[in-house]
Amino acid sequence: MVFVVFIILVIINFMVITKGAGRIAEVGARFVLDGMPGKQMAIDADLNAGLIGEDEAKRRRTEVT
C-alpha cells in the first residue's frame, strides 16, 4: 500500500517538474525573442554612426540570430 502511494507521488512530482521546466523554457525563449529587435537596431545604429564596418555588422547579426 505504501509503495503504491509512493509511486503515485513520484508520478505527480515528475509531471509537475516537467511542466515547470517547459514553462521556464518558454519564458526564456520569449525573452530572447523580445530582445532581438533591440540588438539588431543597436547594430544598425553602430553601422550608421561609422563605429563598425560592414563585416563587423554581419558578424554581429549572425551572433544575434
PDB file of N, CA and C in Angstrom:
ATOM      1  N   MET A   1       0.825  -1.205   0.000  1.00  0.00           N
ATOM      2  CA  MET A   1       0.000   0.000   0.000  1.00  0.00           C
ATOM      3  C   MET A   1       0.868   1.268   0.000  1.00  0.00           C
ATOM      4  N   VAL A   2       1.884   1.273   0.841  1.00  0.00           N
ATOM      5  CA  VAL A   2       2.765   2.441   0.929  1.00  0.00           C
ATOM      6  C   VAL A   2       3.512   2.630  -0.389  1.00  0.00           C
ATOM      7  N   PHE A   3       3.890   1.518  -0.997  1.00  0.00           N
ATOM      8  CA  PHE A   3       4.612   1.583  -2.268  1.00  0.00           C
ATOM      9  C   PHE A   3       3.746   2.204  -3.365  1.00  0.00           C
ATOM     10  N   VAL A   4       2.476   1.883  -3.389  1.00  0.00           N
ATOM     11  CA  VAL A   4       1.554   2.436  -4.387  1.00  0.00           C
ATOM     12  C   VAL A   4       1.424   3.945  -4.206  1.00  0.00           C
ATOM     13  N   VAL A   5       1.282   4.391  -2.971  1.00  0.00           N
ATOM     14  CA  VAL A   5       1.189   5.828  -2.688  1.00  0.00           C
ATOM     15  C   VAL A   5       2.486   6.522  -3.100  1.00  0.00           C
ATOM     16  N   PHE A   6       3.611   5.880  -2.800  1.00  0.00           N
ATOM     17  CA  PHE A   6       4.910   6.443  -3.171  1.00  0.00           C
ATOM     18  C   PHE A   6       5.019   6.596  -4.687  1.00  0.00           C
ATOM     19  N   ILE A   7       4.629   5.586  -5.430  1.00  0.00           N
ATOM     20  CA  ILE A   7       4.686   5.637  -6.893  1.00  0.00           C
ATOM     21  C   ILE A   7       3.777   6.746  -7.425  1.00  0.00           C
ATOM     22  N   ILE A   8       2.590   6.878  -6.865  1.00  0.00           N
ATOM     23  CA  ILE A   8       1.669   7.937  -7.290  1.00  0.00           C
ATOM     24  C   ILE A   8       2.281   9.313  -7.039  1.00  0.00           C
ATOM     25  N   LEU A   9       2.882   9.496  -5.875  1.00  0.00           N
ATOM     26  CA  LEU A   9       3.520  10.780  -5.559  1.00  0.00           C
ATOM     27  C   LEU A   9       4.704  11.059  -6.481  1.00  0.00           C
ATOM     28  N   VAL A  10       5.469  10.034  -6.813  1.00  0.00           N
ATOM     29  CA  VAL A  10       6.601  10.213  -7.725  1.00  0.00           C
ATOM     30  C   VAL A  10       6.102  10.628  -9.108  1.00  0.00           C
ATOM     31  N   ILE A  11       5.032  10.010  -9.575  1.00  0.00           N
ATOM     32  CA  ILE A  11       4.475  10.355 -10.886  1.00  0.00           C
ATOM     33  C   ILE A  11       3.960  11.788 -10.896  1.00  0.00           C
ATOM     34  N   ILE A  12       3.248  12.180  -9.849  1.00  0.00           N
ATOM     35  CA  ILE A  12       2.733  13.554  -9.762  1.00  0.00           C
ATOM     36  C   ILE A  12       3.886  14.550  -9.714  1.00  0.00           C
ATOM     37  N   ASN A  13       4.911  14.234  -8.927  1.00  0.00           N
ATOM     38  CA  ASN A  13       6.078  15.112  -8.817  1.00  0.00           C
ATOM     39  C   ASN A  13       6.772  15.250 -10.173  1.00  0.00           C
ATOM     40  N   PHE A  14       6.921  14.153 -10.884  1.00  0.00           N
ATOM     41  CA  PHE A  14       7.545  14.188 -12.207  1.00  0.00           C
ATOM     42  C   PHE A  14       6.747  15.060 -13.165  1.00  0.00           C
ATOM     43  N   MET A  15       5.431  14.941 -13.126  1.00  0.00           N
ATOM     44  CA  MET A  15       4.582  15.740 -14.013  1.00  0.00           C
ATOM     45  C   MET A  15       4.706  17.224 -13.697  1.00  0.00           C
ATOM     46  N   VAL A  16       4.729  17.582 -12.421  1.00  0.00           N
ATOM     47  CA  VAL A  16       4.832  18.989 -12.019  1.00  0.00           C
ATOM     48  C   VAL A  16       6.182  19.567 -12.440  1.00  0.00           C
ATOM     49  N   ILE A  17       7.256  18.813 -12.213  1.00  0.00           N
ATOM     50  CA  ILE A  17       8.592  19.290 -12.577  1.00  0.00           C
ATOM     51  C   ILE A  17       8.710  19.443 -14.088  1.00  0.00           C
ATOM     52  N   THR A  18       8.172  18.494 -14.836  1.00  0.00           N
ATOM     53  CA  THR A  18       8.232  18.567 -16.293  1.00  0.00           C
ATOM     54  C   THR A  18       7.476  19.781 -16.812  1.00  0.00           C
ATOM     55  N   LYS A  19       6.299  20.022 -16.266  1.00  0.00           N
ATOM     56  CA  LYS A  19       5.507  21.184 -16.699  1.00  0.00           C
ATOM     57  C   LYS A  19       6.231  22.489 -16.343  1.00  0.00           C
ATOM     58  N   GLY A  20       6.830  22.555 -15.169  1.00  0.00           N
ATOM     59  CA  GLY A  20       7.564  23.750 -14.762  1.00  0.00           C
ATOM     60  C   GLY A  20       8.779  23.999 -15.635  1.00  0.00           C
ATOM     61  N   ALA A  21       9.499  22.936 -15.975  1.00  0.00           N
ATOM     62  CA  ALA A  21      10.676  23.085 -16.830  1.00  0.00           C
ATOM     63  C   ALA A  21      10.268  23.561 -18.221  1.00  0.00           C
ATOM     64  N   GLY A  22       9.161  23.055 -18.722  1.00  0.00           N
ATOM     65  CA  GLY A  22       8.671  23.508 -20.026  1.00  0.00           C
ATOM     66  C   GLY A  22       8.298  24.969 -20.002  1.00  0.00           C
ATOM     67  N   ARG A  23       7.684  25.397 -18.911  1.00  0.00           N
ATOM     68  CA  ARG A  23       7.288  26.808 -18.783  1.00  0.00           C
ATOM     69  C   ARG A  23       8.516  27.712 -18.696  1.00  0.00           C
ATOM     70  N   ILE A  24       9.531  27.273 -17.970  1.00  0.00           N
ATOM     71  CA  ILE A  24      10.766  28.056 -17.864  1.00  0.00           C
ATOM     72  C   ILE A  24      11.411  28.205 -19.236  1.00  0.00           C
ATOM     73  N   ALA A  25      11.405  27.134 -20.022  1.00  0.00           N
ATOM     74  CA  ALA A  25      11.971  27.202 -21.372  1.00  0.00           C
ATOM     75  C   ALA A  25      11.182  28.177 -22.246  1.00  0.00           C
ATOM     76  N   GLU A  26       9.860  28.171 -22.122  1.00  0.00           N
ATOM     77  CA  GLU A  26       9.034  29.099 -22.903  1.00  0.00           C
ATOM     78  C   GLU A  26       9.334  30.550 -22.538  1.00  0.00           C
ATOM     79  N   VAL A  27       9.452  30.826 -21.251  1.00  0.00           N
ATOM     80  CA  VAL A  27       9.730  32.198 -20.807  1.00  0.00           C
ATOM     81  C   VAL A  27      11.113  32.635 -21.278  1.00  0.00           C
ATOM     82  N   GLY A  28      12.091  31.744 -21.188  1.00  0.00           N
ATOM     83  CA  GLY A  28      13.432  32.069 -21.668  1.00  0.00           C
ATOM     84  C   GLY A  28      13.450  32.376 -23.151  1.00  0.00           C
ATOM     85  N   ALA A  29      12.722  31.572 -23.914  1.00  0.00           N
ATOM     86  CA  ALA A  29      12.648  31.808 -25.359  1.00  0.00           C
ATOM     87  C   ALA A  29      11.967  33.139 -25.660  1.00  0.00           C
ATOM     88  N   ARG A  30      10.949  33.469 -24.893  1.00  0.00           N
ATOM     89  CA  ARG A  30      10.243  34.737 -25.104  1.00  0.00           C
ATOM     90  C   ARG A  30      11.184  35.919 -24.862  1.00  0.00           C
ATOM     91  N   PHE A  31      11.997  35.859 -23.788  1.00  0.00           N
ATOM     92  CA  PHE A  31      12.935  36.944 -23.512  1.00  0.00           C
ATOM     93  C   PHE A  31      13.968  37.082 -24.623  1.00  0.00           C
ATOM     94  N   VAL A  32      14.447  35.954 -25.137  1.00  0.00           N
ATOM     95  CA  VAL A  32      15.431  36.012 -26.221  1.00  0.00           C
ATOM     96  C   VAL A  32      14.814  36.650 -27.458  1.00  0.00           C
ATOM     97  N   LEU A  33      13.608  36.228 -27.805  1.00  0.00           N
ATOM     98  CA  LEU A  33      12.953  36.778 -28.996  1.00  0.00           C
ATOM     99  C   LEU A  33      12.596  38.249 -28.824  1.00  0.00           C
ATOM    100  N   ASP A  34      12.186  38.641 -27.615  1.00  0.00           N
ATOM    101  CA  ASP A  34      11.839  40.045 -27.380  1.00  0.00           C
ATOM    102  C   ASP A  34      13.065  40.947 -27.442  1.00  0.00           C
ATOM    103  N   GLY A  35      14.240  40.422 -27.122  1.00  0.00           N
ATOM    104  CA  GLY A  35      15.451  41.226 -27.127  1.00  0.00           C
ATOM    105  C   GLY A  35      16.098  41.377 -28.490  1.00  0.00           C
ATOM    106  N   MET A  36      15.715  40.529 -29.432  1.00  0.00           N
ATOM    107  CA  MET A  36      16.369  40.548 -30.749  1.00  0.00           C
ATOM    108  C   MET A  36      16.224  41.864 -31.508  1.00  0.00           C
ATOM    109  N   PRO A  37      15.036  42.454 -31.605  1.00  0.00           N
ATOM    110  CA  PRO A  37      14.938  43.706 -32.374  1.00  0.00           C
ATOM    111  C   PRO A  37      15.826  44.819 -31.819  1.00  0.00           C
ATOM    112  N   GLY A  38      15.926  44.914 -30.505  1.00  0.00           N
ATOM    113  CA  GLY A  38      16.776  45.942 -29.909  1.00  0.00           C
ATOM    114  C   GLY A  38      18.242  45.735 -30.239  1.00  0.00           C
ATOM    115  N   LYS A  39      18.677  44.484 -30.220  1.00  0.00           N
ATOM    116  CA  LYS A  39      20.072  44.193 -30.562  1.00  0.00           C
ATOM    117  C   LYS A  39      20.343  44.493 -32.029  1.00  0.00           C
ATOM    118  N   GLN A  40      19.389  44.153 -32.893  1.00  0.00           N
ATOM    119  CA  GLN A  40      19.562  44.432 -34.321  1.00  0.00           C
ATOM    120  C   GLN A  40      19.610  45.945 -34.566  1.00  0.00           C
ATOM    121  N   MET A  41      18.764  46.687 -33.866  1.00  0.00           N
ATOM    122  CA  MET A  41      18.762  48.146 -34.027  1.00  0.00           C
ATOM    123  C   MET A  41      20.068  48.749 -33.529  1.00  0.00           C
ATOM    124  N   ALA A  42      20.643  48.192 -32.466  1.00  0.00           N
ATOM    125  CA  ALA A  42      21.917  48.696 -31.959  1.00  0.00           C
ATOM    126  C   ALA A  42      23.030  48.459 -32.975  1.00  0.00           C
ATOM    127  N   ILE A  43      22.995  47.307 -33.626  1.00  0.00           N
ATOM    128  CA  ILE A  43      23.993  47.024 -34.667  1.00  0.00           C
ATOM    129  C   ILE A  43      23.834  48.008 -35.820  1.00  0.00           C
ATOM    130  N   ASP A  44      22.594  48.241 -36.245  1.00  0.00           N
ATOM    131  CA  ASP A  44      22.348  49.195 -37.332  1.00  0.00           C
ATOM    132  C   ASP A  44      22.790  50.604 -36.946  1.00  0.00           C
ATOM    133  N   ALA A  45      22.550  50.990 -35.700  1.00  0.00           N
ATOM    134  CA  ALA A  45      22.951  52.325 -35.244  1.00  0.00           C
ATOM    135  C   ALA A  45      24.471  52.456 -35.249  1.00  0.00           C
ATOM    136  N   ASP A  46      25.177  51.419 -34.782  1.00  0.00           N
ATOM    137  CA  ASP A  46      26.642  51.459 -34.798  1.00  0.00           C
ATOM    138  C   ASP A  46      27.173  51.521 -36.228  1.00  0.00           C
ATOM    139  N   LEU A  47      26.528  50.782 -37.119  1.00  0.00           N
ATOM    140  CA  LEU A  47      26.953  50.790 -38.524  1.00  0.00           C
ATOM    141  C   LEU A  47      26.726  52.168 -39.142  1.00  0.00           C
ATOM    142  N   ASN A  48      25.568  52.760 -38.899  1.00  0.00           N
ATOM    143  CA  ASN A  48      25.259  54.084 -39.455  1.00  0.00           C
ATOM    144  C   ASN A  48      26.139  55.177 -38.869  1.00  0.00           C
ATOM    145  N   ALA A  49      26.557  55.004 -37.614  1.00  0.00           N
ATOM    146  CA  ALA A  49      27.421  56.000 -36.982  1.00  0.00           C
ATOM    147  C   ALA A  49      28.880  55.831 -37.393  1.00  0.00           C
ATOM    148  N   GLY A  50      29.176  54.749 -38.089  1.00  0.00           N
ATOM    149  CA  GLY A  50      30.548  54.522 -38.527  1.00  0.00           C
ATOM    150  C   GLY A  50      31.431  53.895 -37.470  1.00  0.00           C
ATOM    151  N   LEU A  51      30.828  53.396 -36.395  1.00  0.00           N
ATOM    152  CA  LEU A  51      31.620  52.789 -35.330  1.00  0.00           C
ATOM    153  C   LEU A  51      32.108  51.390 -35.695  1.00  0.00           C
ATOM    154  N   ILE A  52      31.362  50.715 -36.569  1.00  0.00           N
ATOM    155  CA  ILE A  52      31.756  49.381 -37.025  1.00  0.00           C
ATOM    156  C   ILE A  52      31.629  49.334 -38.543  1.00  0.00           C
ATOM    157  N   GLY A  53      32.322  48.379 -39.134  1.00  0.00           N
ATOM    158  CA  GLY A  53      32.251  48.212 -40.585  1.00  0.00           C
ATOM    159  C   GLY A  53      31.171  47.216 -40.970  1.00  0.00           C
ATOM    160  N   GLU A  54      31.025  47.041 -42.279  1.00  0.00           N
ATOM    161  CA  GLU A  54      30.001  46.127 -42.801  1.00  0.00           C
ATOM    162  C   GLU A  54      30.269  44.684 -42.364  1.00  0.00           C
ATOM    163  N   ASP A  55      31.541  44.283 -42.381  1.00  0.00           N
ATOM    164  CA  ASP A  55      31.879  42.908 -41.987  1.00  0.00           C
ATOM    165  C   ASP A  55      31.564  42.660 -40.516  1.00  0.00           C
ATOM    166  N   GLU A  56      31.891  43.638 -39.679  1.00  0.00           N
ATOM    167  CA  GLU A  56      31.600  43.504 -38.249  1.00  0.00           C
ATOM    168  C   GLU A  56      30.100  43.469 -38.009  1.00  0.00           C
ATOM    169  N   ALA A  57      29.345  44.246 -38.749  1.00  0.00           N
ATOM    170  CA  ALA A  57      27.885  44.246 -38.612  1.00  0.00           C
ATOM    171  C   ALA A  57      27.312  42.887 -38.998  1.00  0.00           C
ATOM    172  N   LYS A  58      27.816  42.307 -40.076  1.00  0.00           N
ATOM    173  CA  LYS A  58      27.354  40.973 -40.483  1.00  0.00           C
ATOM    174  C   LYS A  58      27.677  39.937 -39.414  1.00  0.00           C
ATOM    175  N   ARG A  59      28.882  40.024 -38.849  1.00  0.00           N
ATOM    176  CA  ARG A  59      29.285  39.072 -37.812  1.00  0.00           C
ATOM    177  C   ARG A  59      28.385  39.190 -36.581  1.00  0.00           C
ATOM    178  N   ARG A  60      28.105  40.428 -36.180  1.00  0.00           N
ATOM    179  CA  ARG A  60      27.240  40.633 -35.012  1.00  0.00           C
ATOM    180  C   ARG A  60      25.814  40.158 -35.272  1.00  0.00           C
ATOM    181  N   ARG A  61      25.333  40.362 -36.490  1.00  0.00           N
ATOM    182  CA  ARG A  61      23.971  39.902 -36.814  1.00  0.00           C
ATOM    183  C   ARG A  61      23.870  38.386 -36.749  1.00  0.00           C
ATOM    184  N   THR A  62      24.916  37.697 -37.197  1.00  0.00           N
ATOM    185  CA  THR A  62      24.874  36.231 -37.115  1.00  0.00           C
ATOM    186  C   THR A  62      24.924  35.762 -35.668  1.00  0.00           C
ATOM    187  N   GLU A  63      25.587  36.516 -34.798  1.00  0.00           N
ATOM    188  CA  GLU A  63      25.612  36.158 -33.377  1.00  0.00           C
ATOM    189  C   GLU A  63      24.247  36.372 -32.726  1.00  0.00           C
ATOM    190  N   VAL A  64      23.520  37.390 -33.181  1.00  0.00           N
ATOM    191  CA  VAL A  64      22.220  37.700 -32.587  1.00  0.00           C
ATOM    192  C   VAL A  64      21.199  36.628 -32.937  1.00  0.00           C
ATOM    193  N   THR A  65      21.219  36.148 -34.167  1.00  0.00           N
ATOM    194  CA  THR A  65      20.209  35.164 -34.586  1.00  0.00           C
ATOM    195  C   THR A  65      20.573  33.764 -34.200  1.00  0.00           C
TER     196      THR A  65
END
